[in-house]
Amino acid sequence: MTASIDVAFTPADVRDTEVAVVVDVLRASSTIVTALAAGWRQVLCAADVDTARELRGPGRALAGEQECKPIEGFDYGNSPEALQSAPEAELVLCTTNGTPAIIAAADAADEVIVAALLNLDAILGAVPEGSEVTIVCSGTDGRFALEDAYLAGRLVHRMGGKRTDAALAAEQLAGSYPDSLTPLGQSADAAVLKATGQAADTVFCARESVFDVVPRVTNVDAQVATVSDKDKPMDQAKPLLGLSVLRRTLSV
């Protein structure tokens, strides 16, 4: 059981906490979980498109979306189903809401883990006992996202601990649905996926506890958070290869 549990319905609501659990069900957290389960060694979560492009290099592939559409010149979009094999060692991921939320959470928490419905049971087993936990919903363009609040409520219900009002609200919301696909399918983000020919991603992301991986932020700077399925402390000091070289060049 956790000592306390809070829910930030958008990244702007995040306060300092011991453990942040970041969710972006449609689709960044689901993509990260699927990629690590498929064998990608780590996912480099970039704050923006320019940063992602700077990270391109041998052994890396680029994935992401802008306005729910694949980014020109990237190897993949943000569809988790497309990342079920790992032709490269590292995946660079840039999304509108999820990757910036992970970076923001790393600035507020001692430990950051990434949750989806796809790894629900694994996350519940990984949250340290007695910790202060905040579930961070990535939201959509700074607004509330139904699917993220639903997963937050599922986590609150099963974690236990002292709940804030936001956590109680999320728990009540989640309890009003008979299954996971219903709230995901009713969400505004699912409607955009359908309109862009990506409705299959909603069904894929609604599956529960398919993968036994716990993505953790293991390295972070202002523009990139490294996520891997490894149990080690987050390092906020070491810059990432590629960006560090670029910054030294710019400073000369």
Protein backbone atom coordinates (compact mmCIF):
# COMPACT_ATOMS: atom_id res chain seq x y z
CA MET A 1 0.00 0.00 0.00
CA THR A 2 1.20 3.49 -0.78
CA ALA A 3 1.46 6.19 1.88
CA SER A 4 -0.56 8.57 -0.28
CA ILE A 5 -1.80 8.76 -3.84
CA ASP A 6 -2.67 11.79 -5.93
CA VAL A 7 -3.72 12.27 -9.56
CA ALA A 8 -2.58 15.14 -11.78
CA PHE A 9 -5.11 15.26 -14.61
CA THR A 10 -2.65 17.28 -16.71
CA PRO A 11 1.14 17.73 -16.42
CA ALA A 12 0.55 21.32 -15.27
CA ASP A 13 -1.01 19.93 -12.09
CA VAL A 14 2.09 17.97 -11.03
CA ARG A 15 3.61 18.74 -7.62
CA ASP A 16 6.80 17.37 -6.06
CA THR A 17 6.40 13.69 -5.25
CA GLU A 18 8.46 10.58 -4.52
CA VAL A 19 7.09 8.47 -7.37
CA ALA A 20 5.41 9.69 -10.55
CA VAL A 21 3.46 7.21 -12.68
CA VAL A 22 3.00 8.75 -16.12
CA VAL A 23 0.11 7.59 -18.32
CA ASP A 24 -0.70 8.41 -21.94
CA VAL A 25 -2.91 5.52 -22.92
CA LEU A 26 -3.54 6.80 -26.46
CA ARG A 27 -0.73 6.34 -27.21
CA ALA A 28 2.77 7.23 -25.97
CA SER A 29 2.88 5.11 -22.82
CA SER A 30 1.36 2.17 -24.69
CA THR A 31 3.99 2.60 -27.42
CA ILE A 32 6.83 2.68 -24.87
CA VAL A 33 5.57 -0.43 -23.10
CA THR A 34 5.16 -2.33 -26.36
CA ALA A 35 8.58 -1.30 -27.68
CA LEU A 36 10.43 -2.40 -24.54
CA ALA A 37 8.51 -5.68 -24.45
CA ALA A 38 9.50 -6.25 -28.10
CA GLY A 39 13.20 -5.90 -27.32
CA TRP A 40 14.10 -2.26 -27.92
CA ARG A 41 16.87 -1.63 -25.39
CA GLN A 42 15.61 1.80 -24.40
CA VAL A 43 13.34 4.62 -25.51
CA LEU A 44 14.66 8.17 -25.70
CA CYS A 45 11.67 10.43 -25.07
CA ALA A 46 12.24 13.76 -26.80
CA ALA A 47 10.55 17.03 -25.86
CA ASP A 48 10.13 18.17 -29.46
CA VAL A 49 10.71 17.19 -33.07
CA ASP A 50 13.99 19.08 -33.48
CA THR A 51 15.46 17.33 -30.44
CA ALA A 52 14.35 13.95 -31.77
CA ARG A 53 16.04 14.60 -35.11
CA GLU A 54 19.26 15.58 -33.33
CA LEU A 55 19.28 12.14 -31.72
CA ARG A 56 19.21 10.25 -35.00
CA GLY A 57 22.23 7.99 -35.38
CA PRO A 58 23.44 4.42 -35.87
CA GLY A 59 21.39 1.90 -33.93
CA ARG A 60 18.50 4.31 -33.45
CA ALA A 61 15.10 4.64 -35.10
CA LEU A 62 12.75 7.62 -34.84
CA ALA A 63 9.05 7.34 -34.02
CA GLY A 64 6.36 9.83 -33.15
CA GLU A 65 3.42 11.99 -34.14
CA GLN A 66 2.24 15.55 -34.50
CA GLU A 67 -1.49 16.15 -34.39
CA CYS A 68 -1.88 12.37 -34.29
CA LYS A 69 -0.13 11.92 -37.65
CA PRO A 70 3.32 10.38 -38.34
CA ILE A 71 6.16 12.90 -38.56
CA GLU A 72 7.78 13.40 -41.95
CA GLY A 73 11.14 11.65 -42.17
CA PHE A 74 10.58 9.47 -39.08
CA ASP A 75 10.80 5.68 -39.34
CA TYR A 76 7.55 5.04 -37.47
CA GLY A 77 4.45 6.84 -36.29
CA ASN A 78 3.14 6.46 -32.74
CA SER A 79 1.29 3.20 -33.31
CA PRO A 80 2.38 0.64 -30.68
CA GLU A 81 1.42 -2.25 -32.92
CA ALA A 82 4.06 -1.20 -35.47
CA LEU A 83 6.82 -1.51 -32.86
CA GLN A 84 6.43 -5.19 -32.00
CA SER A 85 9.83 -5.96 -33.48
CA ALA A 86 13.14 -4.25 -32.70
CA PRO A 87 15.34 -3.81 -35.78
CA GLU A 88 17.42 -1.21 -33.93
CA ALA A 89 18.69 -1.01 -30.36
CA GLU A 90 17.17 2.34 -29.37
CA LEU A 91 13.92 4.08 -30.19
CA VAL A 92 13.70 7.87 -30.21
CA LEU A 93 10.09 8.85 -29.50
CA CYS A 94 8.51 12.29 -29.84
CA THR A 95 4.79 12.83 -29.22
CA THR A 96 2.55 15.81 -28.64
CA ASN A 97 1.62 14.98 -25.04
CA GLY A 98 3.26 11.85 -23.66
CA THR A 99 6.97 12.50 -24.04
CA PRO A 100 6.80 16.08 -22.67
CA ALA A 101 4.76 14.75 -19.73
CA ILE A 102 7.47 12.20 -18.91
CA ILE A 103 10.14 14.92 -18.94
CA ALA A 104 7.99 17.19 -16.75
CA ALA A 105 7.34 14.37 -14.27
CA ALA A 106 11.07 13.67 -14.01
CA ASP A 107 11.55 17.25 -12.84
CA ALA A 108 9.07 16.75 -10.00
CA ALA A 109 9.71 13.18 -8.83
CA ASP A 110 12.51 11.06 -7.42
CA GLU A 111 11.38 8.12 -9.53
CA VAL A 112 9.31 8.01 -12.73
CA ILE A 113 7.64 4.95 -14.20
CA VAL A 114 5.45 4.71 -17.31
CA ALA A 115 2.09 2.96 -17.19
CA ALA A 116 -0.45 1.76 -19.70
CA LEU A 117 -3.32 -0.69 -19.54
CA LEU A 118 -0.96 -3.04 -21.37
CA ASN A 119 1.30 -3.34 -18.29
CA LEU A 120 -1.24 -2.63 -15.53
CA ASP A 121 -0.37 -5.59 -13.28
CA ALA A 122 3.36 -5.05 -13.69
CA ILE A 123 3.05 -1.41 -12.60
CA LEU A 124 1.00 -2.31 -9.54
CA GLY A 125 3.71 -4.72 -8.48
CA ALA A 126 6.49 -2.18 -9.04
CA VAL A 127 5.32 0.84 -7.03
CA PRO A 128 7.34 0.90 -3.79
CA GLU A 129 5.42 0.21 -0.59
CA GLY A 130 4.82 3.23 1.60
CA SER A 131 5.73 5.76 -1.09
CA GLU A 132 4.10 9.04 -1.99
CA VAL A 133 2.71 8.51 -5.49
CA THR A 134 1.32 10.88 -8.10
CA ILE A 135 -0.28 9.50 -11.23
CA VAL A 136 0.42 12.00 -14.01
CA CYS A 137 -2.07 12.05 -16.87
CA SER A 138 -0.53 13.36 -20.08
CA GLY A 139 -3.85 14.76 -21.24
CA THR A 140 -4.42 16.23 -24.68
CA ASP A 141 -3.03 19.65 -25.54
CA GLY A 142 -3.09 20.65 -21.87
CA ARG A 143 -6.64 19.40 -21.32
CA PHE A 144 -8.24 16.48 -19.49
CA ALA A 145 -8.17 13.16 -21.38
CA LEU A 146 -10.80 10.56 -20.48
CA GLU A 147 -8.63 7.52 -21.22
CA ASP A 148 -5.79 8.74 -18.99
CA ALA A 149 -8.14 9.56 -16.11
CA TYR A 150 -9.67 6.10 -16.48
CA LEU A 151 -6.32 4.35 -16.11
CA ALA A 152 -5.43 6.65 -13.21
CA GLY A 153 -8.61 5.59 -11.44
CA ARG A 154 -7.87 1.91 -12.02
CA LEU A 155 -4.44 2.39 -10.46
CA VAL A 156 -5.84 4.33 -7.50
CA HIS A 157 -8.39 1.63 -6.79
CA ARG A 158 -5.82 -1.15 -6.63
CA MET A 159 -2.96 0.72 -4.95
CA GLY A 160 -4.74 1.88 -1.83
CA GLY A 161 -3.31 4.48 0.51
CA LYS A 162 -4.55 7.91 1.51
CA ARG A 163 -6.31 9.49 -1.47
CA THR A 164 -6.55 13.12 -2.49
CA ASP A 165 -9.80 14.49 -3.90
CA ALA A 166 -8.38 14.11 -7.41
CA ALA A 167 -7.55 10.47 -6.73
CA LEU A 168 -11.05 9.84 -5.38
CA ALA A 169 -12.57 11.45 -8.47
CA ALA A 170 -10.47 9.32 -10.80
CA GLU A 171 -11.39 6.17 -8.89
CA GLN A 172 -15.10 6.99 -9.15
CA LEU A 173 -14.78 7.69 -12.86
CA ALA A 174 -13.02 4.40 -13.55
CA GLY A 175 -15.58 2.47 -11.52
CA SER A 176 -18.41 3.72 -13.71
CA TYR A 177 -17.23 1.76 -16.75
CA PRO A 178 -17.78 -1.98 -17.31
CA ASP A 179 -14.56 -2.50 -19.28
CA SER A 180 -11.51 -0.68 -20.62
CA LEU A 181 -12.54 -0.40 -24.24
CA THR A 182 -15.66 1.63 -23.43
CA PRO A 183 -13.95 4.76 -22.03
CA LEU A 184 -11.13 4.55 -24.54
CA GLY A 185 -13.61 4.26 -27.39
CA GLN A 186 -15.65 7.21 -26.11
CA SER A 187 -12.65 9.51 -25.77
CA ALA A 188 -11.90 12.47 -28.02
CA ASP A 189 -8.49 10.98 -28.81
CA ALA A 190 -10.10 7.77 -30.06
CA ALA A 191 -12.26 9.86 -32.37
CA VAL A 192 -9.16 11.50 -33.83
CA LEU A 193 -7.51 8.10 -34.30
CA LYS A 194 -10.60 6.87 -36.11
CA ALA A 195 -10.69 9.94 -38.33
CA THR A 196 -7.04 9.40 -39.30
CA GLY A 197 -7.44 5.70 -40.06
CA GLN A 198 -5.81 4.48 -36.84
CA ALA A 199 -8.80 3.11 -34.93
CA ALA A 200 -7.07 -0.25 -34.46
CA ASP A 201 -4.70 1.44 -32.01
CA THR A 202 -7.58 2.09 -29.60
CA VAL A 203 -8.41 -1.61 -29.44
CA PHE A 204 -4.73 -2.52 -29.10
CA CYS A 205 -4.21 -0.10 -26.21
CA ALA A 206 -7.37 -1.24 -24.36
CA ARG A 207 -5.92 -4.68 -23.64
CA GLU A 208 -4.90 -5.26 -20.03
CA SER A 209 -1.72 -6.69 -18.51
CA VAL A 210 -0.38 -8.09 -21.76
CA PHE A 211 3.27 -7.20 -21.06
CA ASP A 212 5.35 -7.71 -17.93
CA VAL A 213 7.57 -4.66 -18.29
CA VAL A 214 8.05 -1.64 -16.03
CA PRO A 215 9.46 1.29 -18.02
CA ARG A 216 11.50 3.59 -15.78
CA VAL A 217 13.21 6.89 -16.43
CA THR A 218 16.90 6.14 -15.93
CA ASN A 219 18.44 9.33 -17.32
CA VAL A 220 17.07 12.80 -17.95
CA ASP A 221 18.06 16.26 -19.05
CA ALA A 222 15.98 19.27 -20.05
CA GLN A 223 14.97 17.86 -23.44
CA VAL A 224 15.28 14.06 -23.27
CA ALA A 225 14.29 11.34 -20.82
CA THR A 226 15.71 7.85 -21.28
CA VAL A 227 13.27 5.08 -20.42
CA SER A 228 14.20 1.42 -20.03
CA ASP A 229 12.93 -1.70 -18.32
CA LYS A 230 15.64 -1.54 -15.65
CA ASP A 231 15.41 -1.07 -11.92
CA LYS A 232 18.01 1.63 -11.29
CA PRO A 233 17.93 5.20 -9.96
CA MET A 234 17.15 8.11 -12.25
CA ASP A 235 20.29 10.04 -13.23
CA GLN A 236 19.65 13.73 -13.85
CA ALA A 237 23.28 14.67 -14.38
CA LYS A 238 24.52 12.78 -17.44
CA PRO A 239 23.67 14.35 -20.81
CA LEU A 240 22.76 12.00 -23.63
CA LEU A 241 25.22 11.14 -26.38
CA GLY A 242 24.49 13.23 -29.43
CA LEU A 243 22.91 16.16 -27.60
CA SER A 244 26.01 16.64 -25.44
CA VAL A 245 28.24 16.75 -28.51
CA LEU A 246 25.90 19.21 -30.20
CA ARG A 247 25.80 21.50 -27.18
CA ARG A 248 29.58 21.55 -26.85
CA THR A 249 29.82 22.45 -30.54
CA LEU A 250 27.33 25.29 -30.16
CA SER A 251 29.16 26.68 -27.14
CA VAL A 252 32.53 26.98 -28.93
